[in-house]
Each structure stands twice: as C-alpha cells, then as structure tokens.
C-alpha atoms as a PDB file:
ATOM      1  CA  UNK A   1     -13.038 -18.401  -7.949  1.00  0.00           C
ATOM      2  CA  UNK A   2     -13.336 -21.001  -5.621  1.00  0.00           C
ATOM      3  CA  UNK A   3     -11.181 -21.852  -2.475  1.00  0.00           C
ATOM      4  CA  UNK A   4      -9.933 -24.979  -4.285  1.00  0.00           C
ATOM      5  CA  UNK A   5      -8.604 -23.373  -7.498  1.00  0.00           C
ATOM      6  CA  UNK A   6      -6.938 -20.212  -5.733  1.00  0.00           C
ATOM      7  CA  UNK A   7      -4.936 -23.346  -3.786  1.00  0.00           C
ATOM      8  CA  UNK A   8      -3.984 -25.292  -6.671  1.00  0.00           C
ATOM      9  CA  UNK A   9      -3.009 -22.000  -8.491  1.00  0.00           C
ATOM     10  CA  UNK A  10      -0.868 -20.982  -5.634  1.00  0.00           C
ATOM     11  CA  UNK A  11       1.222 -24.672  -5.506  1.00  0.00           C
ATOM     12  CA  UNK A  12       1.864 -23.826  -9.554  1.00  0.00           C
ATOM     13  CA  UNK A  13       2.763 -20.393  -8.786  1.00  0.00           C
ATOM     14  CA  UNK A  14       5.077 -21.570  -6.062  1.00  0.00           C
ATOM     15  CA  UNK A  15       7.084 -24.030  -8.400  1.00  0.00           C
ATOM     16  CA  UNK A  16       7.084 -21.862 -10.787  1.00  0.00           C
ATOM     17  CA  UNK A  17       8.757 -19.178  -8.633  1.00  0.00           C
ATOM     18  CA  UNK A  18      11.208 -21.801  -7.631  1.00  0.00           C
ATOM     19  CA  UNK A  19      10.242 -21.219  -3.831  1.00  0.00           C
ATOM     20  CA  UNK A  20      12.816 -22.464  -1.172  1.00  0.00           C
ATOM     21  CA  UNK A  21      15.283 -24.447  -3.111  1.00  0.00           C
ATOM     22  CA  UNK A  22       5.257  -2.625  16.152  1.00  0.00           C
ATOM     23  CA  UNK A  23       7.832  -4.917  17.946  1.00  0.00           C
ATOM     24  CA  UNK A  24      11.095  -4.358  18.680  1.00  0.00           C
ATOM     25  CA  UNK A  25      13.980  -5.080  15.904  1.00  0.00           C
ATOM     26  CA  UNK A  26      16.508  -7.782  16.417  1.00  0.00           C
ATOM     27  CA  UNK A  27      20.634  -6.236  16.755  1.00  0.00           C
ATOM     28  CA  UNK A  28      22.017  -6.687  13.255  1.00  0.00           C
ATOM     29  CA  UNK A  29      25.267  -9.231  13.263  1.00  0.00           C
ATOM     30  CA  UNK A  30      28.167  -7.965  12.819  1.00  0.00           C
ATOM     31  CA  UNK A  31      29.469  -7.205   9.101  1.00  0.00           C
ATOM     32  CA  UNK A  32      33.305  -6.626   7.912  1.00  0.00           C
ATOM     33  CA  UNK A  33      33.938  -3.154   8.299  1.00  0.00           C
ATOM     34  CA  UNK A  34      34.739  -1.248   5.098  1.00  0.00           C
ATOM     35  CA  UNK A  35      37.007   2.048   4.663  1.00  0.00           C
ATOM     36  CA  UNK A  36      36.055   4.876   2.813  1.00  0.00           C
ATOM     37  CA  UNK A  37      38.026   6.010  -0.163  1.00  0.00           C
ATOM     38  CA  UNK A  38      40.903   8.262   0.624  1.00  0.00           C
ATOM     39  CA  UNK A  39      39.482  10.530  -2.039  1.00  0.00           C
ATOM     40  CA  UNK A  40      36.439  11.353  -3.953  1.00  0.00           C
ATOM     41  CA  UNK A  41      33.163  13.455  -4.817  1.00  0.00           C
ATOM     42  CA  UNK A  42      29.842  12.587  -1.980  1.00  0.00           C
ATOM     43  CA  UNK A  43      27.038  12.608  -4.225  1.00  0.00           C
ATOM     44  CA  UNK A  44      23.901  12.718  -2.140  1.00  0.00           C
ATOM     45  CA  UNK A  45      20.600  10.862  -3.327  1.00  0.00           C
ATOM     46  CA  UNK A  46      16.683  10.459  -1.959  1.00  0.00           C
ATOM     47  CA  UNK A  47      14.878   7.179  -3.113  1.00  0.00           C
ATOM     48  CA  UNK A  48      11.953   8.254  -5.419  1.00  0.00           C
ATOM     49  CA  UNK A  49      10.378   5.584  -6.464  1.00  0.00           C
ATOM     50  CA  UNK A  50      10.949   2.401  -4.314  1.00  0.00           C
ATOM     51  CA  UNK A  51       9.830  -0.766  -6.191  1.00  0.00           C
ATOM     52  CA  UNK A  52       8.441  -3.799  -4.347  1.00  0.00           C
ATOM     53  CA  UNK A  53       7.933  -7.198  -6.593  1.00  0.00           C
ATOM     54  CA  UNK A  54       4.764  -8.081  -6.874  1.00  0.00           C
ATOM     55  CA  UNK A  55       4.883 -10.333 -10.162  1.00  0.00           C
ATOM     56  CA  UNK A  56       7.075 -13.303 -10.738  1.00  0.00           C
ATOM     57  CA  UNK A  57       9.029 -10.810 -13.222  1.00  0.00           C
ATOM     58  CA  UNK A  58       9.743  -8.286 -11.012  1.00  0.00           C
ATOM     59  CA  UNK A  59      11.075 -10.708  -8.288  1.00  0.00           C
ATOM     60  CA  UNK A  60      13.481 -11.953 -11.645  1.00  0.00           C
ATOM     61  CA  UNK A  61      14.504  -8.375 -12.197  1.00  0.00           C
ATOM     62  CA  UNK A  62      14.881  -7.068  -8.536  1.00  0.00           C
ATOM     63  CA  UNK A  63      16.466 -10.352  -7.446  1.00  0.00           C
ATOM     64  CA  UNK A  64      20.273 -10.191  -6.467  1.00  0.00           C
ATOM     65  CA  UNK A  65      23.000 -12.693  -5.580  1.00  0.00           C
ATOM     66  CA  UNK A  66      22.998 -12.036  -1.595  1.00  0.00           C
ATOM     67  CA  UNK A  67      24.782 -15.364   0.067  1.00  0.00           C
ATOM     68  CA  UNK A  68      27.513 -15.269  -3.042  1.00  0.00           C
ATOM     69  CA  UNK A  69      27.151 -18.522  -4.246  1.00  0.00           C
ATOM     70  CA  UNK A  70      29.164 -19.240  -7.076  1.00  0.00           C
ATOM     71  CA  UNK A  71      26.637 -20.529  -8.758  1.00  0.00           C
ATOM     72  CA  UNK A  72      25.398 -16.567  -9.337  1.00  0.00           C
ATOM     73  CA  UNK A  73      21.884 -17.552  -8.490  1.00  0.00           C
ATOM     74  CA  UNK A  74      19.544 -14.787  -7.782  1.00  0.00           C
ATOM     75  CA  UNK A  75      17.612 -14.467  -4.444  1.00  0.00           C
ATOM     76  CA  UNK A  76      14.365 -13.007  -3.826  1.00  0.00           C
ATOM     77  CA  UNK A  77      12.058 -15.662  -1.679  1.00  0.00           C
ATOM     78  CA  UNK A  78       9.945 -11.933  -0.439  1.00  0.00           C
ATOM     79  CA  UNK A  79       9.245 -11.414  -4.321  1.00  0.00           C
ATOM     80  CA  UNK A  80       7.715 -15.247  -4.269  1.00  0.00           C
ATOM     81  CA  UNK A  81       5.688 -14.453  -1.126  1.00  0.00           C
ATOM     82  CA  UNK A  82       4.239 -11.482  -2.837  1.00  0.00           C
ATOM     83  CA  UNK A  83       3.413 -12.557  -6.077  1.00  0.00           C
ATOM     84  CA  UNK A  84       1.456 -15.814  -4.088  1.00  0.00           C
ATOM     85  CA  UNK A  85      -0.210 -13.052  -2.310  1.00  0.00           C
ATOM     86  CA  UNK A  86      -1.470 -11.060  -5.244  1.00  0.00           C
ATOM     87  CA  UNK A  87      -2.419 -14.799  -6.915  1.00  0.00           C
ATOM     88  CA  UNK A  88      -4.533 -15.151  -4.054  1.00  0.00           C
ATOM     89  CA  UNK A  89      -6.596 -12.006  -3.999  1.00  0.00           C
ATOM     90  CA  UNK A  90      -6.294 -10.314  -7.021  1.00  0.00           C
ATOM     91  CA  UNK A  91      -6.578  -6.817  -6.937  1.00  0.00           C
ATOM     92  CA  UNK A  92      -4.258  -6.017  -4.080  1.00  0.00           C
ATOM     93  CA  UNK A  93      -2.196  -2.510  -4.344  1.00  0.00           C
ATOM     94  CA  UNK A  94       1.100  -3.562  -2.715  1.00  0.00           C
ATOM     95  CA  UNK A  95       3.066  -0.734  -5.386  1.00  0.00           C
ATOM     96  CA  UNK A  96       0.710   2.026  -4.782  1.00  0.00           C
ATOM     97  CA  UNK A  97       1.122   2.093  -0.719  1.00  0.00           C
ATOM     98  CA  UNK A  98       4.281   2.646  -0.792  1.00  0.00           C
ATOM     99  CA  UNK A  99       3.962   4.919  -3.710  1.00  0.00           C
ATOM    100  CA  UNK A 100       2.211   6.884  -1.300  1.00  0.00           C
ATOM    101  CA  UNK A 101       4.570   6.958   1.378  1.00  0.00           C
ATOM    102  CA  UNK A 102       6.836   7.826  -0.410  1.00  0.00           C
ATOM    103  CA  UNK A 103       5.059  10.572  -2.335  1.00  0.00           C
ATOM    104  CA  UNK A 104       4.199  12.272   0.794  1.00  0.00           C
ATOM    105  CA  UNK A 105       7.596  11.840   2.492  1.00  0.00           C
ATOM    106  CA  UNK A 106       6.582   9.511   5.141  1.00  0.00           C
ATOM    107  CA  UNK A 107       8.790   6.841   3.916  1.00  0.00           C
ATOM    108  CA  UNK A 108      12.218   9.092   3.092  1.00  0.00           C
ATOM    109  CA  UNK A 109      15.556   7.037   1.932  1.00  0.00           C
ATOM    110  CA  UNK A 110      18.613   8.960   1.605  1.00  0.00           C
ATOM    111  CA  UNK A 111      21.706   7.982   0.014  1.00  0.00           C
ATOM    112  CA  UNK A 112      25.515   9.060  -0.695  1.00  0.00           C
ATOM    113  CA  UNK A 113      27.741   7.645  -3.509  1.00  0.00           C
ATOM    114  CA  UNK A 114      31.576   8.245  -2.655  1.00  0.00           C
ATOM    115  CA  UNK A 115      32.890   8.272  -5.694  1.00  0.00           C
ATOM    116  CA  UNK A 116      36.214   9.724  -7.933  1.00  0.00           C
ATOM    117  CA  UNK A 117      34.035   9.396 -10.933  1.00  0.00           C
ATOM    118  CA  UNK A 118      30.558   8.864 -12.137  1.00  0.00           C
ATOM    119  CA  UNK A 119      32.211   6.695 -14.921  1.00  0.00           C
ATOM    120  CA  UNK A 120      34.266   4.509 -13.573  1.00  0.00           C
ATOM    121  CA  UNK A 121      36.022   4.090 -10.088  1.00  0.00           C
ATOM    122  CA  UNK A 122      37.290   0.612  -8.697  1.00  0.00           C
ATOM    123  CA  UNK A 123      36.928   1.770  -5.070  1.00  0.00           C
ATOM    124  CA  UNK A 124      33.959   3.772  -4.898  1.00  0.00           C
ATOM    125  CA  UNK A 125      31.278   2.698  -1.674  1.00  0.00           C
ATOM    126  CA  UNK A 126      27.485   3.718  -0.940  1.00  0.00           C
ATOM    127  CA  UNK A 127      25.715   4.036   2.269  1.00  0.00           C
ATOM    128  CA  UNK A 128      21.993   3.938   3.015  1.00  0.00           C
ATOM    129  CA  UNK A 129      20.534   6.290   5.661  1.00  0.00           C
ATOM    130  CA  UNK A 130      16.628   6.267   7.089  1.00  0.00           C
ATOM    131  CA  UNK A 131      15.577  10.014   6.906  1.00  0.00           C
ATOM    132  CA  UNK A 132      13.238  11.634   9.552  1.00  0.00           C
ATOM    133  CA  UNK A 133       9.524  11.946   7.808  1.00  0.00           C
ATOM    134  CA  UNK A 134       9.299  14.993   5.604  1.00  0.00           C
ATOM    135  CA  UNK A 135       7.403  18.185   6.580  1.00  0.00           C
ATOM    136  CA  UNK A 136       6.155  18.703   3.782  1.00  0.00           C
ATOM    137  CA  UNK A 137       5.622  16.214   0.116  1.00  0.00           C
ATOM    138  CA  UNK A 138       9.053  16.283  -1.271  1.00  0.00           C
ATOM    139  CA  UNK A 139       9.107  17.684  -5.304  1.00  0.00           C
ATOM    140  CA  UNK A 140      11.724  15.407  -6.213  1.00  0.00           C
ATOM    141  CA  UNK A 141      13.721  18.135  -8.157  1.00  0.00           C
ATOM    142  CA  UNK A 142      17.560  18.293  -6.482  1.00  0.00           C
ATOM    143  CA  UNK A 143      15.902  21.170  -3.867  1.00  0.00           C
ATOM    144  CA  UNK A 144      14.622  18.976  -1.304  1.00  0.00           C
ATOM    145  CA  UNK A 145      16.217  19.063   2.139  1.00  0.00           C
ATOM    146  CA  UNK A 146      15.961  16.444   4.736  1.00  0.00           C
ATOM    147  CA  UNK A 147      17.024  15.250   8.243  1.00  0.00           C
ATOM    148  CA  UNK A 148      18.946  12.053   8.697  1.00  0.00           C
ATOM    149  CA  UNK A 149      17.144  10.043  11.573  1.00  0.00           C
ATOM    150  CA  UNK A 150      19.314  10.552  14.656  1.00  0.00           C
ATOM    151  CA  UNK A 151      17.961   7.429  16.232  1.00  0.00           C
ATOM    152  CA  UNK A 152      18.620   4.604  13.136  1.00  0.00           C
ATOM    153  CA  UNK A 153      21.653   2.716  13.453  1.00  0.00           C
ATOM    154  CA  UNK A 154      24.384   3.481  11.117  1.00  0.00           C
ATOM    155  CA  UNK A 155      24.487   1.896   8.318  1.00  0.00           C
ATOM    156  CA  UNK A 156      27.686   0.167   7.206  1.00  0.00           C
ATOM    157  CA  UNK A 157      29.231   1.105   4.150  1.00  0.00           C
ATOM    158  CA  UNK A 158      28.610  -1.072   0.760  1.00  0.00           C
ATOM    159  CA  UNK A 159      31.632  -0.784  -1.173  1.00  0.00           C
ATOM    160  CA  UNK A 160      31.895  -1.594  -5.106  1.00  0.00           C
ATOM    161  CA  UNK A 161      33.318  -0.183  -7.783  1.00  0.00           C
ATOM    162  CA  UNK A 162      31.652   2.448 -10.705  1.00  0.00           C
ATOM    163  CA  UNK A 163      31.945   0.268 -14.391  1.00  0.00           C
ATOM    164  CA  UNK A 164      30.834   2.197 -17.028  1.00  0.00           C
ATOM    165  CA  UNK A 165      28.806   4.411 -15.132  1.00  0.00           C
ATOM    166  CA  UNK A 166      27.145   1.312 -12.902  1.00  0.00           C
ATOM    167  CA  UNK A 167      27.282   0.797  -9.211  1.00  0.00           C
ATOM    168  CA  UNK A 168      27.797  -2.704  -7.606  1.00  0.00           C
ATOM    169  CA  UNK A 169      28.528  -3.464  -4.264  1.00  0.00           C
ATOM    170  CA  UNK A 170      28.007  -5.350  -0.969  1.00  0.00           C
ATOM    171  CA  UNK A 171      28.179  -6.895   1.305  1.00  0.00           C
ATOM    172  CA  UNK A 172      26.832  -4.107   4.087  1.00  0.00           C
ATOM    173  CA  UNK A 173      23.868  -3.978   6.511  1.00  0.00           C
ATOM    174  CA  UNK A 174      20.998  -1.800   5.751  1.00  0.00           C
ATOM    175  CA  UNK A 175      18.057  -0.900   8.235  1.00  0.00           C
ATOM    176  CA  UNK A 176      15.055  -0.039   5.917  1.00  0.00           C
ATOM    177  CA  UNK A 177      11.493   1.148   5.710  1.00  0.00           C
ATOM    178  CA  UNK A 178       8.684  -0.279   3.962  1.00  0.00           C
ATOM    179  CA  UNK A 179       4.743  -0.132   3.904  1.00  0.00           C
ATOM    180  CA  UNK A 180       2.705  -3.203   2.795  1.00  0.00           C
ATOM    181  CA  UNK A 181      -0.668  -2.783   2.175  1.00  0.00           C
ATOM    182  CA  UNK A 182      -0.819  -0.104   3.959  1.00  0.00           C
ATOM    183  CA  UNK A 183       0.848  -0.867   6.961  1.00  0.00           C
ATOM    184  CA  UNK A 184       4.567   0.589   7.431  1.00  0.00           C
ATOM    185  CA  UNK A 185       7.376  -1.780   8.562  1.00  0.00           C
ATOM    186  CA  UNK A 186      11.154  -1.482   9.677  1.00  0.00           C
ATOM    187  CA  UNK A 187      13.368  -4.022   8.962  1.00  0.00           C
ATOM    188  CA  UNK A 188      17.391  -5.071   9.177  1.00  0.00           C
ATOM    189  CA  UNK A 189      18.764  -6.300   6.067  1.00  0.00           C
ATOM    190  CA  UNK A 190      22.366  -8.215   6.316  1.00  0.00           C
ATOM    191  CA  UNK A 191      24.312  -9.348   3.389  1.00  0.00           C
ATOM    192  CA  UNK A 192      23.140  -6.436   1.590  1.00  0.00           C
ATOM    193  CA  UNK A 193      24.408  -5.701  -1.815  1.00  0.00           C
ATOM    194  CA  UNK A 194      23.228  -2.530  -4.254  1.00  0.00           C
ATOM    195  CA  UNK A 195      22.991  -1.890  -8.102  1.00  0.00           C
ATOM    196  CA  UNK A 196      21.995   0.886 -10.014  1.00  0.00           C
ATOM    197  CA  UNK A 197      23.104   3.188 -13.269  1.00  0.00           C
ATOM    198  CA  UNK A 198      23.804   6.862 -11.540  1.00  0.00           C
ATOM    199  CA  UNK A 199      24.445   9.969 -12.936  1.00  0.00           C
ATOM    200  CA  UNK A 200      24.617  13.764 -11.015  1.00  0.00           C
ATOM    201  CA  UNK A 201      20.781  13.290 -12.303  1.00  0.00           C
ATOM    202  CA  UNK A 202      20.289  10.598  -9.753  1.00  0.00           C
ATOM    203  CA  UNK A 203      19.878   6.780 -10.457  1.00  0.00           C
ATOM    204  CA  UNK A 204      17.869   4.333 -12.128  1.00  0.00           C
ATOM    205  CA  UNK A 205      17.910   0.360 -12.815  1.00  0.00           C
ATOM    206  CA  UNK A 206      18.542   0.557  -8.665  1.00  0.00           C
ATOM    207  CA  UNK A 207      18.611  -3.161  -7.003  1.00  0.00           C
ATOM    208  CA  UNK A 208      18.649  -3.652  -3.221  1.00  0.00           C
ATOM    209  CA  UNK A 209      19.480  -6.681  -2.161  1.00  0.00           C
ATOM    210  CA  UNK A 210      19.946  -8.568   1.301  1.00  0.00           C
ATOM    211  CA  UNK A 211      18.519 -11.142   3.804  1.00  0.00           C
ATOM    212  CA  UNK A 212      16.605 -10.873   6.728  1.00  0.00           C
ATOM    213  CA  UNK A 213      16.781 -13.124   9.650  1.00  0.00           C
ATOM    214  CA  UNK A 214      13.769 -15.695  10.244  1.00  0.00           C
ATOM    215  CA  UNK A 215      12.898 -14.502  13.371  1.00  0.00           C
ATOM    216  CA  UNK A 216      12.940 -11.006  12.654  1.00  0.00           C
ATOM    217  CA  UNK A 217      11.091 -12.123   8.997  1.00  0.00           C
ATOM    218  CA  UNK A 218       7.824 -13.433  11.799  1.00  0.00           C
ATOM    219  CA  UNK A 219       8.038 -10.675  14.255  1.00  0.00           C
ATOM    220  CA  UNK A 220       8.548  -7.769  11.399  1.00  0.00           C
ATOM    221  CA  UNK A 221       7.010  -8.693   8.318  1.00  0.00           C
ATOM    222  CA  UNK A 222       3.893 -11.245   8.946  1.00  0.00           C
ATOM    223  CA  UNK A 223       2.864  -8.691  11.117  1.00  0.00           C
ATOM    224  CA  UNK A 224       2.655  -6.608   8.739  1.00  0.00           C
ATOM    225  CA  UNK A 225       1.429  -8.649   6.076  1.00  0.00           C
ATOM    226  CA  UNK A 226      -1.661  -9.111   8.744  1.00  0.00           C
ATOM    227  CA  UNK A 227      -2.260  -5.584   9.534  1.00  0.00           C
ATOM    228  CA  UNK A 228      -2.162  -4.869   5.729  1.00  0.00           C
ATOM    229  CA  UNK A 229      -4.906  -7.253   5.039  1.00  0.00           C
ATOM    230  CA  UNK A 230      -7.167  -6.643   7.933  1.00  0.00           C
ATOM    231  CA  UNK A 231      -6.877  -3.064   6.360  1.00  0.00           C
ATOM    232  CA  UNK A 232      -8.454  -4.418   2.966  1.00  0.00           C
ATOM    233  CA  UNK A 233     -11.074  -6.541   4.764  1.00  0.00           C
ATOM    234  CA  UNK A 234     -12.280  -3.853   6.668  1.00  0.00           C
ATOM    235  CA  UNK A 235     -12.243  -1.392   3.301  1.00  0.00           C
ATOM    236  CA  UNK A 236     -13.330  -3.616   0.466  1.00  0.00           C
ATOM    237  CA  UNK A 237     -15.814  -6.308   1.129  1.00  0.00           C
ATOM    238  CA  UNK A 238     -15.329  -8.101  -2.313  1.00  0.00           C
ATOM    239  CA  UNK A 239     -11.597  -8.487  -1.661  1.00  0.00           C
ATOM    240  CA  UNK A 240     -12.414  -9.225   1.890  1.00  0.00           C
ATOM    241  CA  UNK A 241     -14.081 -12.582   0.871  1.00  0.00           C
ATOM    242  CA  UNK A 242     -10.830 -13.894  -1.041  1.00  0.00           C
ATOM    243  CA  UNK A 243      -8.988 -13.057   1.488  1.00  0.00           C
ATOM    244  CA  UNK A 244     -10.723 -14.665   4.413  1.00  0.00           C
ATOM    245  CA  UNK A 245     -11.603 -17.734   2.505  1.00  0.00           C
ATOM    246  CA  UNK A 246      -7.433 -18.158   1.952  1.00  0.00           C
ATOM    247  CA  UNK A 247      -6.202 -17.242   5.470  1.00  0.00           C
ATOM    248  CA  UNK A 248      -8.593 -16.793   8.167  1.00  0.00           C
ATOM    249  CA  UNK A 249      -8.087 -20.609   9.574  1.00  0.00           C
ATOM    250  CA  UNK A 250     -10.489 -20.225  12.719  1.00  0.00           C
ATOM    251  CA  UNK A 251     -12.982 -18.149  10.532  1.00  0.00           C
ATOM    252  CA  UNK A 252     -12.899 -15.174  13.014  1.00  0.00           C
ATOM    253  CA  UNK A 253     -12.980 -12.788  10.332  1.00  0.00           C
ATOM    254  CA  UNK A 254      -9.124 -11.845  11.036  1.00  0.00           C
ATOM    255  CA  UNK A 255      -6.460 -12.457   9.331  1.00  0.00           C
ATOM    256  CA  UNK A 256      -3.320 -13.268  12.294  1.00  0.00           C
ATOM    257  CA  UNK A 257       0.248 -13.086  11.542  1.00  0.00           C
ATOM    258  CA  UNK A 258       0.311 -17.049  12.555  1.00  0.00           C
ATOM    259  CA  UNK A 259      -2.290 -17.545  10.291  1.00  0.00           C
ATOM    260  CA  UNK A 260      -0.314 -16.238   7.124  1.00  0.00           C
ATOM    261  CA  UNK A 261       2.814 -18.501   8.883  1.00  0.00           C
ATOM    262  CA  UNK A 262       0.768 -21.495   8.704  1.00  0.00           C
ATOM    263  CA  UNK A 263      -0.615 -21.389   5.442  1.00  0.00           C
ATOM    264  CA  UNK A 264      -0.528 -24.818   3.699  1.00  0.00           C
ATOM    265  CA  UNK A 265       0.665 -23.043   0.745  1.00  0.00           C
ATOM    266  CA  UNK A 266       2.273 -19.751   2.001  1.00  0.00           C
ATOM    267  CA  UNK A 267       4.588 -21.647   4.209  1.00  0.00           C
ATOM    268  CA  UNK A 268       6.124 -23.319   1.652  1.00  0.00           C
ATOM    269  CA  UNK A 269       7.557 -19.728   1.035  1.00  0.00           C
ATOM    270  CA  UNK A 270       8.277 -19.120   4.129  1.00  0.00           C
ATOM    271  CA  UNK A 271      11.032 -21.497   5.047  1.00  0.00           C
ATOM    272  CA  UNK A 272      14.322 -19.555   4.985  1.00  0.00           C
ATOM    273  CA  UNK A 273      16.353 -19.760   1.809  1.00  0.00           C
ATOM    274  CA  UNK A 274      19.668 -18.231   2.781  1.00  0.00           C
ATOM    275  CA  UNK A 275      22.249 -19.492   4.958  1.00  0.00           C
ATOM    276  CA  UNK A 276      24.159 -16.482   6.179  1.00  0.00           C
ATOM    277  CA  UNK A 277      24.623 -16.704   9.569  1.00  0.00           C
ATOM    278  CA  UNK A 278      27.419 -19.618  11.174  1.00  0.00           C
ATOM    279  CA  UNK A 279      26.572 -21.629  14.220  1.00  0.00           C
ATOM    280  CA  UNK A 280      27.668 -18.506  16.686  1.00  0.00           C
ATOM    281  CA  UNK A 281      24.879 -16.135  15.091  1.00  0.00           C
ATOM    282  CA  UNK A 282      27.952 -14.023  13.235  1.00  0.00           C
ATOM    283  CA  UNK A 283      27.837 -12.868   9.370  1.00  0.00           C
ATOM    284  CA  UNK A 284      29.585 -15.824   7.661  1.00  0.00           C
ATOM    285  CA  UNK A 285      28.018 -16.641   4.644  1.00  0.00           C
ATOM    286  CA  UNK A 286      27.619 -20.353   3.699  1.00  0.00           C
ATOM    287  CA  UNK A 287      29.407 -21.784   6.678  1.00  0.00           C
ATOM    288  CA  UNK A 288      27.587 -24.345   8.516  1.00  0.00           C
ATOM    289  CA  UNK A 289      24.901 -24.962   6.107  1.00  0.00           C
ATOM    290  CA  UNK A 290      21.463 -24.270   7.892  1.00  0.00           C
ATOM    291  CA  UNK A 291      19.738 -21.758   6.278  1.00  0.00           C
ATOM    292  CA  UNK A 292      18.505 -18.796   8.640  1.00  0.00           C
ATOM    293  CA  UNK A 293      17.382 -15.690   6.877  1.00  0.00           C
ATOM    294  CA  UNK A 294      15.087 -15.238   3.889  1.00  0.00           C
ATOM    295  CA  UNK A 295      15.490 -13.436   0.841  1.00  0.00           C
ATOM    296  CA  UNK A 296      14.550  -9.581  -0.074  1.00  0.00           C
ATOM    297  CA  UNK A 297      14.875  -8.117  -3.432  1.00  0.00           C
ATOM    298  CA  UNK A 298      13.932  -4.390  -4.116  1.00  0.00           C
ATOM    299  CA  UNK A 299      14.382  -1.682  -6.954  1.00  0.00           C
ATOM    300  CA  UNK A 300      14.662   1.642  -6.877  1.00  0.00           C
ATOM    301  CA  UNK A 301      15.446   5.016  -8.328  1.00  0.00           C
ATOM    302  CA  UNK A 302      16.983   8.329  -6.980  1.00  0.00           C
ATOM    303  CA  UNK A 303      16.826  11.896  -7.451  1.00  0.00           C
ATOM    304  CA  UNK A 304      19.911  14.197  -5.957  1.00  0.00           C
ATOM    305  CA  UNK A 305      18.886  16.003  -2.528  1.00  0.00           C
ATOM    306  CA  UNK A 306      20.355  17.943   0.369  1.00  0.00           C
ATOM    307  CA  UNK A 307      20.758  17.089   3.546  1.00  0.00           C
ATOM    308  CA  UNK A 308      24.075  16.487   6.088  1.00  0.00           C
ATOM    309  CA  UNK A 309      25.724  13.132   6.220  1.00  0.00           C
ATOM    310  CA  UNK A 310      28.680  11.114   8.244  1.00  0.00           C
ATOM    311  CA  UNK A 311      31.800  12.003   7.046  1.00  0.00           C
ATOM    312  CA  UNK A 312      30.283  15.685   5.179  1.00  0.00           C
END
C-alpha cells in the first residue's frame, strides 16, 4: 500500500474513532483517601489475561468514563492510537507480546477484592499491586504463589459496590506494567476506574481505565512505541518497509519517539483528552478546562492466587 493511501486511511480512521474531542516515572498526584470496609473477606487474584485495544471495537469495549463527566462518555485515547498504528502497519502483534509476558510471569498484576459478599456489597474495595517477576511460568490454577514488588508504590484503594456479582469502582491511582510491541513499560494512572464480574473462581469482563499525564505519556509510552517499532524493523523486513515509510521522517532507518509524536496523522491522536488536574497540579477533574492527560482503557481477566498484601 502506498504511503499516500495509508495516510488517507489513517485520517478516516481517526474521525471514526472520535479522537481528541527506561526513564523516571513522574510522581502520581494525590487523590482522596479511601478507607477499607470494617468487615469483609479479602479475595486474592492475579491477572491471567491483560487485553490491549488494537481495534475500534476493543477501544470502545475497554473504555470507561474516566473523568466522570455527566454525559458518561467512554474514553480510551490509547486505544485510538494503537488502532491507528495497526492500520498503518498491518500485522503488528500487539496482543501476542503481552500474552507472552503474562504467561511467562514477566508481568505480574495482583488484585485484592475486599467485600462482605461477592454478590452484593455496597462498600467493597479493589486494590491493584505490581508483583515481582515469577521464578517460573505461572499455571493460573489458583495455586500460584507471588510476591508484591516492595519497590512499587502503594496504590490507592478503588472503592465501589458489588451488585449482582459485578464490581464497579473508582477513583484511584495505580501503577501498571504493560508490554507494547515487545517493549516493557511502566506507567502511573490517575482517576482509575475498575469494573469486573467476579466469583470465587476469578473475574471476567474486567476493565481498567485511567489517565496518564501528557508529560508521562511522552516520556514513557512514546519511547516504548519507538522501541517496539525498531525491534520489528530489525526482525521483519516486510513490515519494516511500511513502518519506515510512515514514521521515519529523517530516513535514517530508525524510528524515534519524536518522530512518532510529530507524525502528521498520529499527532492528532496524541493530544490530551482529559482534564484531570487543576492549575496547581492536584487531582481535581474538570476544574480549569485544560486537558492535561490521555485516557487509557485495558481489559483483563483474573484467577485466584496466593500472596500476602498489606492488610492481610
């Protein structure tokens, strides 16, 4: 496909997606504290599938109303960006690289649900922790043992009700791990909301949504994208031709984070779509009218796991 046709297709896709309308991580803005329920059972889970949006349908499916706007608009700018990348370079294996990392125990995401009942509880809470790399590939059968990474920050609780086996809560702050095109990345999410259908056997239909500040998006996500694309360029000459045509502006055979950020088409999808911080930098959604963060929506499923978490 010629470069002109690719760019035209990307512009059309951007309209269809309704787009906007390793470095040090930034500190997460402080968010309101949430107290644990006085009573309840603590259920321990581990993510066995982390689902990344690579199509318009997945972008919509994993999106959540992150900034709490009254229109209940579902936001997932990250999904729009990845959808456009796949359109620009068909054949990119986004989900496969994450599956490999999760199945090998390289990405360990641990969850604690605190609730009186997995059916109905108006005061449940959800916590997410980064786990240490597993010494061997997990079997995800409920007998896997994990350890919370002591170097990771203590993420805030996400409070919400259990209604007919469905948890829906927010807001919170969470540090998460991902792999983008084989490149690992760790990011801080603010304004985090979580939804999932839960039983003692685990969770399905999980959604994890939040915002990443524009500064951190450019310092963490863009380098990971560039690293991933350059890995493909080295390994796949067929894919390299299209990738270089679209993203290698200086024609030096390497894609840089700046070239992704300044790409004429992707630049439209890299504009912040959320106002989560006020003028002082504190978490205070929709107050100063300045869009300062990008929305991210992911899917997940989880199964029981064995680990010790704060409060156990």
